[in-house]
PDB file of N, CA and C in Angstrom:
ATOM      1  N   MET A   1      39.328  -9.206  -2.823  1.00  0.00           N
ATOM      2  CA  MET A   1      38.523  -8.888  -3.983  1.00  0.00           C
ATOM      3  C   MET A   1      37.136  -9.509  -3.891  1.00  0.00           C
ATOM      4  N   LYS A   2      37.020 -10.659  -3.197  1.00  0.00           N
ATOM      5  CA  LYS A   2      35.725 -11.313  -3.067  1.00  0.00           C
ATOM      6  C   LYS A   2      34.726 -10.446  -2.311  1.00  0.00           C
ATOM      7  N   GLY A   3      35.171  -9.788  -1.262  1.00  0.00           N
ATOM      8  CA  GLY A   3      34.298  -8.936  -0.457  1.00  0.00           C
ATOM      9  C   GLY A   3      33.763  -7.769  -1.261  1.00  0.00           C
ATOM     10  N   ASN A   4      34.579  -7.204  -2.118  1.00  0.00           N
ATOM     11  CA  ASN A   4      34.143  -6.076  -2.936  1.00  0.00           C
ATOM     12  C   ASN A   4      33.070  -6.504  -3.933  1.00  0.00           C
ATOM     13  N   ASN A   5      33.190  -7.717  -4.459  1.00  0.00           N
ATOM     14  CA  ASN A   5      32.190  -8.215  -5.398  1.00  0.00           C
ATOM     15  C   ASN A   5      30.848  -8.420  -4.700  1.00  0.00           C
ATOM     16  N   LYS A   6      30.865  -8.914  -3.460  1.00  0.00           N
ATOM     17  CA  LYS A   6      29.633  -9.115  -2.713  1.00  0.00           C
ATOM     18  C   LYS A   6      28.944  -7.779  -2.453  1.00  0.00           C
ATOM     19  N   ILE A   7      29.716  -6.781  -2.059  1.00  0.00           N
ATOM     20  CA  ILE A   7      29.141  -5.466  -1.789  1.00  0.00           C
ATOM     21  C   ILE A   7      28.535  -4.887  -3.060  1.00  0.00           C
ATOM     22  N   LEU A   8      29.207  -5.063  -4.175  1.00  0.00           N
ATOM     23  CA  LEU A   8      28.692  -4.572  -5.448  1.00  0.00           C
ATOM     24  C   LEU A   8      27.390  -5.277  -5.819  1.00  0.00           C
ATOM     25  N   VAL A   9      27.327  -6.578  -5.637  1.00  0.00           N
ATOM     26  CA  VAL A   9      26.112  -7.339  -5.940  1.00  0.00           C
ATOM     27  C   VAL A   9      24.984  -6.903  -5.012  1.00  0.00           C
ATOM     28  N   TYR A  10      25.261  -6.710  -3.727  1.00  0.00           N
ATOM     29  CA  TYR A  10      24.241  -6.260  -2.785  1.00  0.00           C
ATOM     30  C   TYR A  10      23.733  -4.871  -3.159  1.00  0.00           C
ATOM     31  N   ALA A  11      24.615  -3.992  -3.566  1.00  0.00           N
ATOM     32  CA  ALA A  11      24.217  -2.644  -3.960  1.00  0.00           C
ATOM     33  C   ALA A  11      23.333  -2.681  -5.205  1.00  0.00           C
ATOM     34  N   ILE A  12      23.692  -3.503  -6.161  1.00  0.00           N
ATOM     35  CA  ILE A  12      22.885  -3.623  -7.382  1.00  0.00           C
ATOM     36  C   ILE A  12      21.507  -4.198  -7.050  1.00  0.00           C
ATOM     37  N   CYS A  13      21.458  -5.230  -6.209  1.00  0.00           N
ATOM     38  CA  CYS A  13      20.179  -5.824  -5.816  1.00  0.00           C
ATOM     39  C   CYS A  13      19.309  -4.810  -5.072  1.00  0.00           C
ATOM     40  N   GLY A  14      19.913  -4.048  -4.202  1.00  0.00           N
ATOM     41  CA  GLY A  14      19.172  -3.014  -3.481  1.00  0.00           C
ATOM     42  C   GLY A  14      18.607  -1.969  -4.416  1.00  0.00           C
ATOM     43  N   PHE A  15      19.413  -1.529  -5.377  1.00  0.00           N
ATOM     44  CA  PHE A  15      18.955  -0.535  -6.343  1.00  0.00           C
ATOM     45  C   PHE A  15      17.815  -1.082  -7.197  1.00  0.00           C
ATOM     46  N   VAL A  16      17.929  -2.315  -7.640  1.00  0.00           N
ATOM     47  CA  VAL A  16      16.879  -2.931  -8.452  1.00  0.00           C
ATOM     48  C   VAL A  16      15.589  -3.064  -7.641  1.00  0.00           C
ATOM     49  N   THR A  17      15.707  -3.422  -6.368  1.00  0.00           N
ATOM     50  CA  THR A  17      14.534  -3.559  -5.509  1.00  0.00           C
ATOM     51  C   THR A  17      13.816  -2.225  -5.329  1.00  0.00           C
ATOM     52  N   VAL A  18      14.587  -1.179  -5.052  1.00  0.00           N
ATOM     53  CA  VAL A  18      13.992   0.146  -4.879  1.00  0.00           C
ATOM     54  C   VAL A  18      13.362   0.623  -6.186  1.00  0.00           C
ATOM     55  N   ALA A  19      14.029   0.403  -7.300  1.00  0.00           N
ATOM     56  CA  ALA A  19      13.496   0.813  -8.597  1.00  0.00           C
ATOM     57  C   ALA A  19      12.206   0.061  -8.908  1.00  0.00           C
ATOM     58  N   ALA A  20      12.144  -1.220  -8.583  1.00  0.00           N
ATOM     59  CA  ALA A  20      10.927  -2.000  -8.827  1.00  0.00           C
ATOM     60  C   ALA A  20       9.778  -1.509  -7.946  1.00  0.00           C
ATOM     61  N   ALA A  21      10.058  -1.168  -6.705  1.00  0.00           N
ATOM     62  CA  ALA A  21       9.015  -0.671  -5.810  1.00  0.00           C
ATOM     63  C   ALA A  21       8.474   0.678  -6.303  1.00  0.00           C
ATOM     64  N   VAL A  22       9.365   1.565  -6.702  1.00  0.00           N
ATOM     65  CA  VAL A  22       8.934   2.874  -7.203  1.00  0.00           C
ATOM     66  C   VAL A  22       8.116   2.705  -8.480  1.00  0.00           C
ATOM     67  N   THR A  23       8.544   1.828  -9.362  1.00  0.00           N
ATOM     68  CA  THR A  23       7.817   1.589 -10.609  1.00  0.00           C
ATOM     69  C   THR A  23       6.432   1.015 -10.332  1.00  0.00           C
ATOM     70  N   ALA A  24       6.340   0.072  -9.405  1.00  0.00           N
ATOM     71  CA  ALA A  24       5.036  -0.524  -9.074  1.00  0.00           C
ATOM     72  C   ALA A  24       4.099   0.521  -8.485  1.00  0.00           C
ATOM     73  N   ILE A  25       4.613   1.362  -7.604  1.00  0.00           N
ATOM     74  CA  ILE A  25       3.780   2.418  -7.024  1.00  0.00           C
ATOM     75  C   ILE A  25       3.320   3.378  -8.105  1.00  0.00           C
ATOM     76  N   TYR A  26       4.197   3.736  -9.027  1.00  0.00           N
ATOM     77  CA  TYR A  26       3.834   4.649 -10.107  1.00  0.00           C
ATOM     78  C   TYR A  26       2.771   4.035 -11.026  1.00  0.00           C
ATOM     79  N   LEU A  27       2.937   2.775 -11.377  1.00  0.00           N
ATOM     80  CA  LEU A  27       2.006   2.132 -12.298  1.00  0.00           C
ATOM     81  C   LEU A  27       0.637   1.876 -11.660  1.00  0.00           C
ATOM     82  N   PHE A  28       0.609   1.562 -10.385  1.00  0.00           N
ATOM     83  CA  PHE A  28      -0.632   1.187  -9.719  1.00  0.00           C
ATOM     84  C   PHE A  28      -1.109   2.247  -8.738  1.00  0.00           C
ATOM     85  N   ARG A  29      -0.755   3.500  -8.942  1.00  0.00           N
ATOM     86  CA  ARG A  29      -1.104   4.549  -7.979  1.00  0.00           C
ATOM     87  C   ARG A  29      -2.610   4.736  -7.859  1.00  0.00           C
ATOM     88  N   ASN A  30      -3.340   4.618  -8.946  1.00  0.00           N
ATOM     89  CA  ASN A  30      -4.804   4.783  -8.869  1.00  0.00           C
ATOM     90  C   ASN A  30      -5.447   3.644  -8.086  1.00  0.00           C
ATOM     91  N   GLU A  31      -4.991   2.434  -8.304  1.00  0.00           N
ATOM     92  CA  GLU A  31      -5.536   1.291  -7.575  1.00  0.00           C
ATOM     93  C   GLU A  31      -5.202   1.382  -6.090  1.00  0.00           C
ATOM     94  N   ILE A  32      -3.995   1.824  -5.781  1.00  0.00           N
ATOM     95  CA  ILE A  32      -3.583   1.979  -4.383  1.00  0.00           C
ATOM     96  C   ILE A  32      -4.430   3.056  -3.716  1.00  0.00           C
ATOM     97  N   ALA A  33      -4.650   4.171  -4.409  1.00  0.00           N
ATOM     98  CA  ALA A  33      -5.474   5.248  -3.858  1.00  0.00           C
ATOM     99  C   ALA A  33      -6.908   4.771  -3.638  1.00  0.00           C
ATOM    100  N   ASP A  34      -7.472   4.040  -4.590  1.00  0.00           N
ATOM    101  CA  ASP A  34      -8.832   3.507  -4.439  1.00  0.00           C
ATOM    102  C   ASP A  34      -8.928   2.557  -3.257  1.00  0.00           C
ATOM    103  N   PHE A  35      -7.901   1.756  -3.057  1.00  0.00           N
ATOM    104  CA  PHE A  35      -7.872   0.822  -1.936  1.00  0.00           C
ATOM    105  C   PHE A  35      -7.944   1.573  -0.608  1.00  0.00           C
ATOM    106  N   PHE A  36      -7.128   2.625  -0.461  1.00  0.00           N
ATOM    107  CA  PHE A  36      -7.109   3.359   0.795  1.00  0.00           C
ATOM    108  C   PHE A  36      -8.380   4.177   0.997  1.00  0.00           C
ATOM    109  N   VAL A  37      -8.987   4.665  -0.081  1.00  0.00           N
ATOM    110  CA  VAL A  37     -10.265   5.370   0.033  1.00  0.00           C
ATOM    111  C   VAL A  37     -11.341   4.394   0.503  1.00  0.00           C
ATOM    112  N   ASP A  38     -11.335   3.184  -0.021  1.00  0.00           N
ATOM    113  CA  ASP A  38     -12.296   2.171   0.398  1.00  0.00           C
ATOM    114  C   ASP A  38     -12.107   1.806   1.869  1.00  0.00           C
ATOM    115  N   ILE A  39     -10.869   1.645   2.284  1.00  0.00           N
ATOM    116  CA  ILE A  39     -10.586   1.331   3.693  1.00  0.00           C
ATOM    117  C   ILE A  39     -11.068   2.460   4.590  1.00  0.00           C
ATOM    118  N   LYS A  40     -10.798   3.710   4.203  1.00  0.00           N
ATOM    119  CA  LYS A  40     -11.246   4.857   5.000  1.00  0.00           C
ATOM    120  C   LYS A  40     -12.760   4.896   5.088  1.00  0.00           C
ATOM    121  N   ALA A  41     -13.444   4.608   3.994  1.00  0.00           N
ATOM    122  CA  ALA A  41     -14.904   4.606   4.007  1.00  0.00           C
ATOM    123  C   ALA A  41     -15.438   3.516   4.939  1.00  0.00           C
ATOM    124  N   ARG A  42     -14.817   2.366   4.927  1.00  0.00           N
ATOM    125  CA  ARG A  42     -15.253   1.286   5.818  1.00  0.00           C
ATOM    126  C   ARG A  42     -15.037   1.651   7.278  1.00  0.00           C
ATOM    127  N   ILE A  43     -13.910   2.286   7.580  1.00  0.00           N
ATOM    128  CA  ILE A  43     -13.630   2.696   8.962  1.00  0.00           C
ATOM    129  C   ILE A  43     -14.631   3.759   9.396  1.00  0.00           C
ATOM    130  N   ASP A  44     -14.892   4.734   8.539  1.00  0.00           N
ATOM    131  CA  ASP A  44     -15.861   5.775   8.876  1.00  0.00           C
ATOM    132  C   ASP A  44     -17.257   5.192   9.076  1.00  0.00           C
ATOM    133  N   GLU A  45     -17.617   4.228   8.244  1.00  0.00           N
ATOM    134  CA  GLU A  45     -18.923   3.592   8.363  1.00  0.00           C
ATOM    135  C   GLU A  45     -19.045   2.862   9.692  1.00  0.00           C
ATOM    136  N   LYS A  46     -18.003   2.154  10.100  1.00  0.00           N
ATOM    137  CA  LYS A  46     -18.040   1.416  11.366  1.00  0.00           C
ATOM    138  C   LYS A  46     -18.061   2.381  12.544  1.00  0.00           C
ATOM    139  N   ARG A  47     -17.264   3.463  12.440  1.00  0.00           N
ATOM    140  CA  ARG A  47     -17.166   4.409  13.539  1.00  0.00           C
ATOM    141  C   ARG A  47     -18.475   5.167  13.723  1.00  0.00           C
ATOM    142  N   LEU A  48     -19.096   5.580  12.639  1.00  0.00           N
ATOM    143  CA  LEU A  48     -20.332   6.355  12.724  1.00  0.00           C
ATOM    144  C   LEU A  48     -21.558   5.474  12.907  1.00  0.00           C
ATOM    145  N   GLY A  49     -21.448   4.222  12.498  1.00  0.00           N
ATOM    146  CA  GLY A  49     -22.557   3.293  12.662  1.00  0.00           C
ATOM    147  C   GLY A  49     -23.726   3.590  11.745  1.00  0.00           C
ATOM    148  N   VAL A  50     -23.445   4.081  10.572  1.00  0.00           N
ATOM    149  CA  VAL A  50     -24.515   4.376   9.628  1.00  0.00           C
ATOM    150  C   VAL A  50     -24.356   3.503   8.392  1.00  0.00           C
ATOM    151  N   GLY A  51     -25.438   3.360   7.689  1.00  0.00           N
ATOM    152  CA  GLY A  51     -25.409   2.577   6.473  1.00  0.00           C
ATOM    153  C   GLY A  51     -25.461   1.092   6.760  1.00  0.00           C
ATOM    154  N   GLY A  52     -26.113   0.380   5.916  1.00  0.00           N
ATOM    155  CA  GLY A  52     -26.122  -1.055   6.061  1.00  0.00           C
ATOM    156  C   GLY A  52     -27.343  -1.569   6.791  1.00  0.00           C
ATOM    157  N   GLU A  53     -27.255  -2.788   7.184  1.00  0.00           N
ATOM    158  CA  GLU A  53     -28.384  -3.523   7.720  1.00  0.00           C
ATOM    159  C   GLU A  53     -28.818  -3.061   9.106  1.00  0.00           C
ATOM    160  N   TYR A  54     -27.873  -2.622   9.932  1.00  0.00           N
ATOM    161  CA  TYR A  54     -28.176  -2.315  11.329  1.00  0.00           C
ATOM    162  C   TYR A  54     -28.244  -0.801  11.596  1.00  0.00           C
ATOM    163  N   ALA A  55     -28.502  -0.009  10.586  1.00  0.00           N
ATOM    164  CA  ALA A  55     -28.480   1.441  10.743  1.00  0.00           C
ATOM    165  C   ALA A  55     -29.569   1.928  11.698  1.00  0.00           C
ATOM    166  N   ASP A  56     -30.731   1.306  11.706  1.00  0.00           N
ATOM    167  CA  ASP A  56     -31.823   1.788  12.540  1.00  0.00           C
ATOM    168  C   ASP A  56     -31.596   1.493  14.023  1.00  0.00           C
ATOM    169  N   GLU A  57     -30.674   0.626  14.375  1.00  0.00           N
ATOM    170  CA  GLU A  57     -30.394   0.324  15.780  1.00  0.00           C
ATOM    171  C   GLU A  57     -29.676   1.481  16.468  1.00  0.00           C
ATOM    172  N   PHE A  58     -28.983   2.310  15.713  1.00  0.00           N
ATOM    173  CA  PHE A  58     -28.179   3.370  16.292  1.00  0.00           C
ATOM    174  C   PHE A  58     -28.928   4.704  16.349  1.00  0.00           C
ATOM    175  N   GLU A  59     -30.128   4.746  15.877  1.00  0.00           N
ATOM    176  CA  GLU A  59     -30.868   6.020  15.843  1.00  0.00           C
ATOM    177  C   GLU A  59     -31.583   6.282  17.130  1.00  0.00           C
TER     178      GLU A  59
END
């Protein structure tokens, strides 16, 4: 009976963890999207070498 209780507790903990992750993603989806848009803009800026202090060196 002890083993069954452990499995039940692990299953409940797993479900709570997944539910918390889904809830956090749902609540903060705009912030997460803004973060990735900012990262993409920084990567594009570095790759293209435009904008910023050293832009005239690449022309």
